[in-house]
């Protein structure tokens, strides 16, 4: 059985990538499961999808804990413990990462024991290219299994992307097929894992939490203001940026519509974004009446922030 886990962020097409890969396996004659796992965290949140494919009926369920192939669409997730990218990897597991770094760098960084495949990232950060990242990963993953023909992959892409905007559909198909062709040197590198045997089952290390009696419903968390410690700003791929020259100080609009209350209002009526907790859903960009809030790629914004102090210091030294 092929056991595959795909990791990425909300907005990168990971759920769709799992469906594409599952549909392609089905067209190749396999029994298939594909299931994403994500909450309501919106764009930028870490998510993953699991795909199983076998010639026999599949009776396994749930998370793929011992993957034959792990696909990472967003390299920044490798350093996020909660994303569980490396869960269950061993010398048998193929690790496929979409990245601008080379294979030796990744092997040294993660101390991987198994095979490693790097899918070159094109470096573009527009929303369409980000959404097509998952499709590209699905194409490369299909080739590494050695079990999916190019025609089956293309048919699965057209089926699963039929309801999307035409430009995004065309771009996703183009990137996926290019990744499939580019991974020709790694065809068949993924080896099917053995069937699970119930006799090998190991019970989880459950932690017994004593029941706290209460005559009425009681909260699970007793300390106040704990959510401030969850830095959900790490999930962003695009950052809302305010142009205060265009801002009309109608900040009740953006601050009210922000689903995470990450926009506070200053004493002068201007909005201020809490980037530690802004997830990058970009609702504020959509509702701003004077269009004073723009979406900026997170990496470019971070580079500009890092460059600003250096530029200021240089200006000071030349006076």
Protein backbone atom coordinates (compact mmCIF):
# COMPACT_ATOMS: atom_id res chain seq x y z
CA UNK A 1 0.00 0.00 0.00
CA UNK A 2 1.15 3.53 -0.79
CA UNK A 3 0.86 5.78 2.27
CA UNK A 4 1.39 9.46 1.47
CA UNK A 5 1.19 12.60 3.61
CA UNK A 6 1.16 16.09 2.06
CA UNK A 7 1.97 19.16 4.19
CA UNK A 8 1.49 22.83 3.40
CA UNK A 9 -0.36 25.96 4.41
CA UNK A 10 -3.92 27.05 3.86
CA UNK A 11 -4.16 28.64 0.42
CA UNK A 12 -1.50 26.44 -1.22
CA UNK A 13 -3.92 23.83 -2.57
CA UNK A 14 -2.94 20.95 -0.28
CA UNK A 15 -6.49 19.62 0.05
CA UNK A 16 -6.84 19.76 -3.73
CA UNK A 17 -3.43 18.12 -4.19
CA UNK A 18 -4.60 15.16 -2.10
CA UNK A 19 -7.74 14.85 -4.21
CA UNK A 20 -5.75 15.07 -7.45
CA UNK A 21 -3.32 12.39 -6.29
CA UNK A 22 -6.18 10.18 -5.10
CA UNK A 23 -8.08 10.57 -8.38
CA UNK A 24 -4.95 9.79 -10.39
CA UNK A 25 -4.37 6.61 -8.36
CA UNK A 26 -8.01 5.62 -8.88
CA UNK A 27 -7.65 6.04 -12.64
CA UNK A 28 -4.57 3.82 -12.45
CA UNK A 29 -6.70 1.02 -10.97
CA UNK A 30 -6.12 1.50 -7.24
CA UNK A 31 -8.49 1.54 -4.29
CA UNK A 32 -8.01 4.99 -2.75
CA UNK A 33 -8.50 7.06 0.39
CA UNK A 34 -7.77 10.77 0.50
CA UNK A 35 -8.58 13.01 3.44
CA UNK A 36 -7.37 16.46 4.50
CA UNK A 37 -7.03 17.56 8.10
CA UNK A 38 -7.45 21.21 8.92
CA UNK A 39 -9.55 23.47 11.11
CA UNK A 40 -11.03 26.91 10.54
CA UNK A 41 -7.68 28.69 10.67
CA UNK A 42 -7.88 30.06 7.11
CA UNK A 43 -5.02 31.12 4.86
CA UNK A 44 -1.52 30.37 6.08
CA UNK A 45 -2.46 27.80 8.72
CA UNK A 46 -0.49 24.52 8.68
CA UNK A 47 -2.61 21.72 7.18
CA UNK A 48 -1.97 18.27 5.76
CA UNK A 49 -3.70 15.65 3.66
CA UNK A 50 -3.35 11.87 3.73
CA UNK A 51 -3.60 9.58 0.69
CA UNK A 52 -3.64 5.78 0.71
CA UNK A 53 -3.66 3.66 -2.45
CA UNK A 54 -3.73 -0.12 -2.73
CA UNK A 55 -4.78 -2.85 -5.17
CA UNK A 56 -6.83 -4.40 -2.36
CA UNK A 57 -9.58 -2.92 -0.18
CA UNK A 58 -8.16 -0.42 2.33
CA UNK A 59 -9.13 -1.01 5.93
CA UNK A 60 -6.76 1.43 7.57
CA UNK A 61 -8.20 4.72 8.77
CA UNK A 62 -7.00 7.98 10.19
CA UNK A 63 -3.65 9.74 10.10
CA UNK A 64 -0.83 8.22 8.04
CA UNK A 65 1.67 7.69 10.86
CA UNK A 66 4.20 5.60 8.90
CA UNK A 67 4.39 7.28 5.49
CA UNK A 68 6.12 5.94 2.41
CA UNK A 69 6.21 9.48 1.01
CA UNK A 70 6.04 12.85 2.76
CA UNK A 71 5.48 15.92 0.58
CA UNK A 72 6.27 19.40 1.91
CA UNK A 73 4.89 22.26 -0.19
CA UNK A 74 6.05 25.05 2.13
CA UNK A 75 9.61 24.75 3.42
CA UNK A 76 8.97 27.12 6.34
CA UNK A 77 6.85 24.41 8.01
CA UNK A 78 9.92 22.25 8.61
CA UNK A 79 10.71 24.42 11.62
CA UNK A 80 7.19 24.42 13.07
CA UNK A 81 6.91 21.56 15.59
CA UNK A 82 3.09 21.61 15.58
CA UNK A 83 3.05 20.86 11.84
CA UNK A 84 4.46 17.34 12.49
CA UNK A 85 6.17 17.24 9.09
CA UNK A 86 8.72 14.65 10.25
CA UNK A 87 6.25 12.40 12.07
CA UNK A 88 6.97 8.73 11.34
CA UNK A 89 9.85 9.28 8.89
CA UNK A 90 12.43 6.50 8.69
CA UNK A 91 15.01 5.19 6.23
CA UNK A 92 12.22 3.85 4.03
CA UNK A 93 10.36 7.18 3.71
CA UNK A 94 10.92 9.43 0.70
CA UNK A 95 10.91 13.14 1.59
CA UNK A 96 9.84 15.44 -1.27
CA UNK A 97 10.18 19.16 -0.56
CA UNK A 98 9.33 22.17 -2.72
CA UNK A 99 12.23 24.52 -2.05
CA UNK A 100 14.79 26.94 -3.45
CA UNK A 101 17.55 25.14 -1.49
CA UNK A 102 19.40 22.08 -2.77
CA UNK A 103 19.22 18.48 -1.57
CA UNK A 104 22.51 18.48 0.45
CA UNK A 105 21.30 21.50 2.42
CA UNK A 106 18.05 19.74 3.32
CA UNK A 107 19.76 16.49 4.23
CA UNK A 108 22.12 18.32 6.57
CA UNK A 109 19.33 20.43 8.02
CA UNK A 110 16.97 17.55 8.87
CA UNK A 111 19.46 14.67 9.21
CA UNK A 112 17.28 12.56 6.93
CA UNK A 113 18.04 8.86 6.64
CA UNK A 114 15.78 8.13 3.66
CA UNK A 115 15.69 9.28 0.02
CA UNK A 116 15.29 13.02 -0.61
CA UNK A 117 13.78 14.76 -3.63
CA UNK A 118 13.75 18.56 -4.11
CA UNK A 119 11.10 20.13 -6.32
CA UNK A 120 12.55 23.54 -7.32
CA UNK A 121 10.36 26.46 -6.23
CA UNK A 122 9.87 29.10 -8.91
CA UNK A 123 10.21 31.96 -6.41
CA UNK A 124 6.96 33.72 -7.38
CA UNK A 125 4.68 34.78 -4.54
CA UNK A 126 1.47 35.92 -6.24
CA UNK A 127 -1.72 34.27 -5.02
CA UNK A 128 -2.18 32.14 -8.15
CA UNK A 129 1.35 30.72 -7.92
CA UNK A 130 0.90 29.95 -4.22
CA UNK A 131 -2.39 28.17 -4.93
CA UNK A 132 -0.71 26.12 -7.67
CA UNK A 133 2.03 24.89 -5.33
CA UNK A 134 -0.05 21.94 -4.19
CA UNK A 135 -0.76 20.85 -7.76
CA UNK A 136 2.95 20.94 -8.58
CA UNK A 137 3.69 18.77 -5.55
CA UNK A 138 0.97 16.32 -6.59
CA UNK A 139 2.59 16.02 -10.03
CA UNK A 140 6.04 15.30 -8.61
CA UNK A 141 4.59 12.87 -6.05
CA UNK A 142 2.73 10.98 -8.78
CA UNK A 143 5.97 10.46 -10.72
CA UNK A 144 7.94 9.27 -7.70
CA UNK A 145 5.43 6.47 -7.06
CA UNK A 146 6.02 5.04 -10.55
CA UNK A 147 2.37 3.90 -10.56
CA UNK A 148 0.62 6.84 -12.26
CA UNK A 149 0.74 7.61 -15.97
CA UNK A 150 0.96 11.21 -17.18
CA UNK A 151 -2.40 10.88 -18.92
CA UNK A 152 -4.07 9.73 -15.67
CA UNK A 153 -2.55 12.66 -13.80
CA UNK A 154 -3.74 15.16 -16.40
CA UNK A 155 -7.25 13.68 -16.41
CA UNK A 156 -7.37 13.86 -12.60
CA UNK A 157 -6.21 17.48 -12.68
CA UNK A 158 -8.91 18.48 -15.15
CA UNK A 159 -11.56 16.67 -13.13
CA UNK A 160 -10.61 18.08 -9.72
CA UNK A 161 -9.91 21.63 -10.95
CA UNK A 162 -12.97 21.94 -13.18
CA UNK A 163 -14.75 24.38 -10.85
CA UNK A 164 -11.80 26.73 -10.36
CA UNK A 165 -11.10 30.03 -12.10
CA UNK A 166 -9.78 29.23 -15.63
CA UNK A 167 -6.43 31.01 -15.19
CA UNK A 168 -5.71 29.17 -11.95
CA UNK A 169 -6.78 25.86 -13.48
CA UNK A 170 -4.48 26.33 -16.47
CA UNK A 171 -1.55 27.39 -14.27
CA UNK A 172 -2.05 24.47 -11.88
CA UNK A 173 -2.18 21.93 -14.72
CA UNK A 174 0.92 23.45 -16.30
CA UNK A 175 2.91 23.40 -13.03
CA UNK A 176 1.76 19.89 -12.11
CA UNK A 177 2.66 18.33 -15.46
CA UNK A 178 5.99 20.18 -15.50
CA UNK A 179 6.77 18.79 -12.03
CA UNK A 180 5.76 15.30 -13.21
CA UNK A 181 8.16 15.58 -16.16
CA UNK A 182 10.90 17.11 -14.00
CA UNK A 183 10.78 14.21 -11.53
CA UNK A 184 11.48 11.60 -14.24
CA UNK A 185 14.84 10.79 -12.67
CA UNK A 186 13.09 9.77 -9.44
CA UNK A 187 10.37 7.62 -10.97
CA UNK A 188 9.51 4.64 -8.79
CA UNK A 189 11.67 5.79 -5.85
CA UNK A 190 8.69 5.43 -3.47
CA UNK A 191 8.26 1.81 -2.35
CA UNK A 192 4.89 0.58 -1.09
CA UNK A 193 4.84 -0.11 2.64
CA UNK A 194 3.88 -3.48 4.05
CA UNK A 195 0.32 -4.17 5.12
CA UNK A 196 -0.40 -3.30 8.73
CA UNK A 197 -0.76 -6.25 11.07
CA UNK A 198 -3.00 -5.90 14.10
CA UNK A 199 -0.52 -7.97 16.12
CA UNK A 200 2.01 -5.12 15.73
CA UNK A 201 -0.36 -2.55 17.19
CA UNK A 202 1.09 -0.51 20.02
CA UNK A 203 -1.31 1.35 22.25
CA UNK A 204 -0.66 5.10 22.55
CA UNK A 205 0.90 6.48 25.69
CA UNK A 206 -2.33 7.89 27.03
CA UNK A 207 -2.14 10.54 29.71
CA UNK A 208 -4.85 10.16 32.33
CA UNK A 209 -6.32 13.50 33.29
CA UNK A 210 -8.35 13.32 36.49
CA UNK A 211 -11.97 14.32 36.13
CA UNK A 212 -12.82 17.51 37.96
CA UNK A 213 -16.30 17.35 39.36
CA UNK A 214 -18.50 20.37 38.80
CA UNK A 215 -22.17 21.02 39.32
CA UNK A 216 -22.23 23.18 36.20
CA UNK A 217 -20.21 23.25 32.97
CA UNK A 218 -16.66 24.23 33.75
CA UNK A 219 -13.95 25.63 31.45
CA UNK A 220 -10.99 23.50 30.40
CA UNK A 221 -8.57 26.42 30.72
CA UNK A 222 -8.73 28.40 33.92
CA UNK A 223 -6.12 31.08 33.24
CA UNK A 224 -7.18 34.27 31.49
CA UNK A 225 -5.74 35.69 28.24
CA UNK A 226 -3.90 32.52 27.22
CA UNK A 227 -4.69 32.94 23.52
CA UNK A 228 -2.22 35.83 23.31
CA UNK A 229 0.60 33.28 23.60
CA UNK A 230 -0.44 31.55 20.36
CA UNK A 231 1.51 33.43 17.68
CA UNK A 232 -0.77 32.70 14.73
CA UNK A 233 1.07 35.32 12.67
CA UNK A 234 3.52 32.55 11.75
CA UNK A 235 0.82 31.12 9.49
CA UNK A 236 0.77 34.03 7.03
CA UNK A 237 1.92 33.86 3.43
CA UNK A 238 0.52 37.31 2.56
CA UNK A 239 0.53 40.30 4.91
CA UNK A 240 -2.03 43.15 4.98
CA UNK A 241 -0.20 46.49 4.79
CA UNK A 242 -1.89 49.82 5.53
CA UNK A 243 -1.21 52.91 3.41
CA UNK A 244 -1.95 55.61 5.99
CA UNK A 245 -1.88 58.32 3.29
CA UNK A 246 -5.02 56.75 1.81
CA UNK A 247 -6.60 55.61 5.09
CA UNK A 248 -9.82 57.54 5.93
CA UNK A 249 -9.77 56.50 9.63
CA UNK A 250 -12.99 54.50 9.20
CA UNK A 251 -11.29 51.83 11.26
CA UNK A 252 -14.53 50.47 12.67
CA UNK A 253 -14.86 48.65 9.32
CA UNK A 254 -11.58 46.69 9.22
CA UNK A 255 -11.40 46.21 13.00
CA UNK A 256 -14.96 44.89 13.14
CA UNK A 257 -14.61 42.52 10.20
CA UNK A 258 -11.25 41.09 11.34
CA UNK A 259 -12.24 37.57 12.46
CA UNK A 260 -9.38 37.38 14.97
CA UNK A 261 -9.59 40.90 16.49
CA UNK A 262 -6.04 41.47 15.25
CA UNK A 263 -6.73 45.12 14.27
CA UNK A 264 -6.75 47.64 17.11
CA UNK A 265 -7.82 51.30 16.83
CA UNK A 266 -5.40 54.03 17.87
CA UNK A 267 -6.50 57.16 19.72
CA UNK A 268 -6.46 59.13 16.44
CA UNK A 269 -8.87 56.64 14.86
CA UNK A 270 -6.30 54.94 12.64
CA UNK A 271 -6.07 51.12 12.53
CA UNK A 272 -3.03 49.16 13.66
CA UNK A 273 -2.48 45.49 12.83
CA UNK A 274 -1.21 43.04 15.43
CA UNK A 275 1.09 40.95 13.24
CA UNK A 276 1.77 38.45 16.02
CA UNK A 277 -1.84 37.28 15.69
CA UNK A 278 -2.86 38.29 12.14
CA UNK A 279 -3.29 35.03 10.16
CA UNK A 280 -3.29 36.75 6.76
CA UNK A 281 -6.88 35.91 5.83
CA UNK A 282 -7.01 39.33 4.04
CA UNK A 283 -10.63 40.06 4.97
CA UNK A 284 -9.48 43.59 5.83
CA UNK A 285 -8.11 44.03 2.31
CA UNK A 286 -11.48 43.06 0.84
CA UNK A 287 -13.64 45.32 3.06
CA UNK A 288 -11.50 48.50 3.22
CA UNK A 289 -13.66 51.25 1.58
CA UNK A 290 -10.78 53.46 0.31
CA UNK A 291 -8.63 50.42 -0.63
CA UNK A 292 -5.92 51.59 1.76
CA UNK A 293 -4.92 48.03 2.74
CA UNK A 294 -2.92 45.95 0.27
CA UNK A 295 -1.71 42.33 0.33
CA UNK A 296 2.07 42.02 0.34
CA UNK A 297 4.02 38.72 0.17
CA UNK A 298 5.16 37.90 3.69
CA UNK A 299 8.75 37.19 2.68
CA UNK A 300 9.08 40.52 0.87
CA UNK A 301 7.56 42.39 3.83
CA UNK A 302 9.95 40.67 6.24
CA UNK A 303 12.95 41.54 4.07
CA UNK A 304 11.83 45.18 3.90
CA UNK A 305 11.47 45.29 7.70
CA UNK A 306 14.98 43.88 8.15
CA UNK A 307 16.44 46.34 5.64
CA UNK A 308 14.83 49.43 7.22
CA UNK A 309 17.09 49.68 10.34
CA UNK A 310 20.20 49.17 8.23
CA UNK A 311 19.11 51.92 5.82
CA UNK A 312 18.38 54.28 8.71
CA UNK A 313 21.80 53.61 10.22
CA UNK A 314 23.48 54.26 6.88
CA UNK A 315 21.66 57.57 6.50
CA UNK A 316 22.77 58.57 10.01
CA UNK A 317 26.40 57.73 9.30
CA UNK A 318 26.52 59.90 6.17
CA UNK A 319 25.25 63.05 7.84
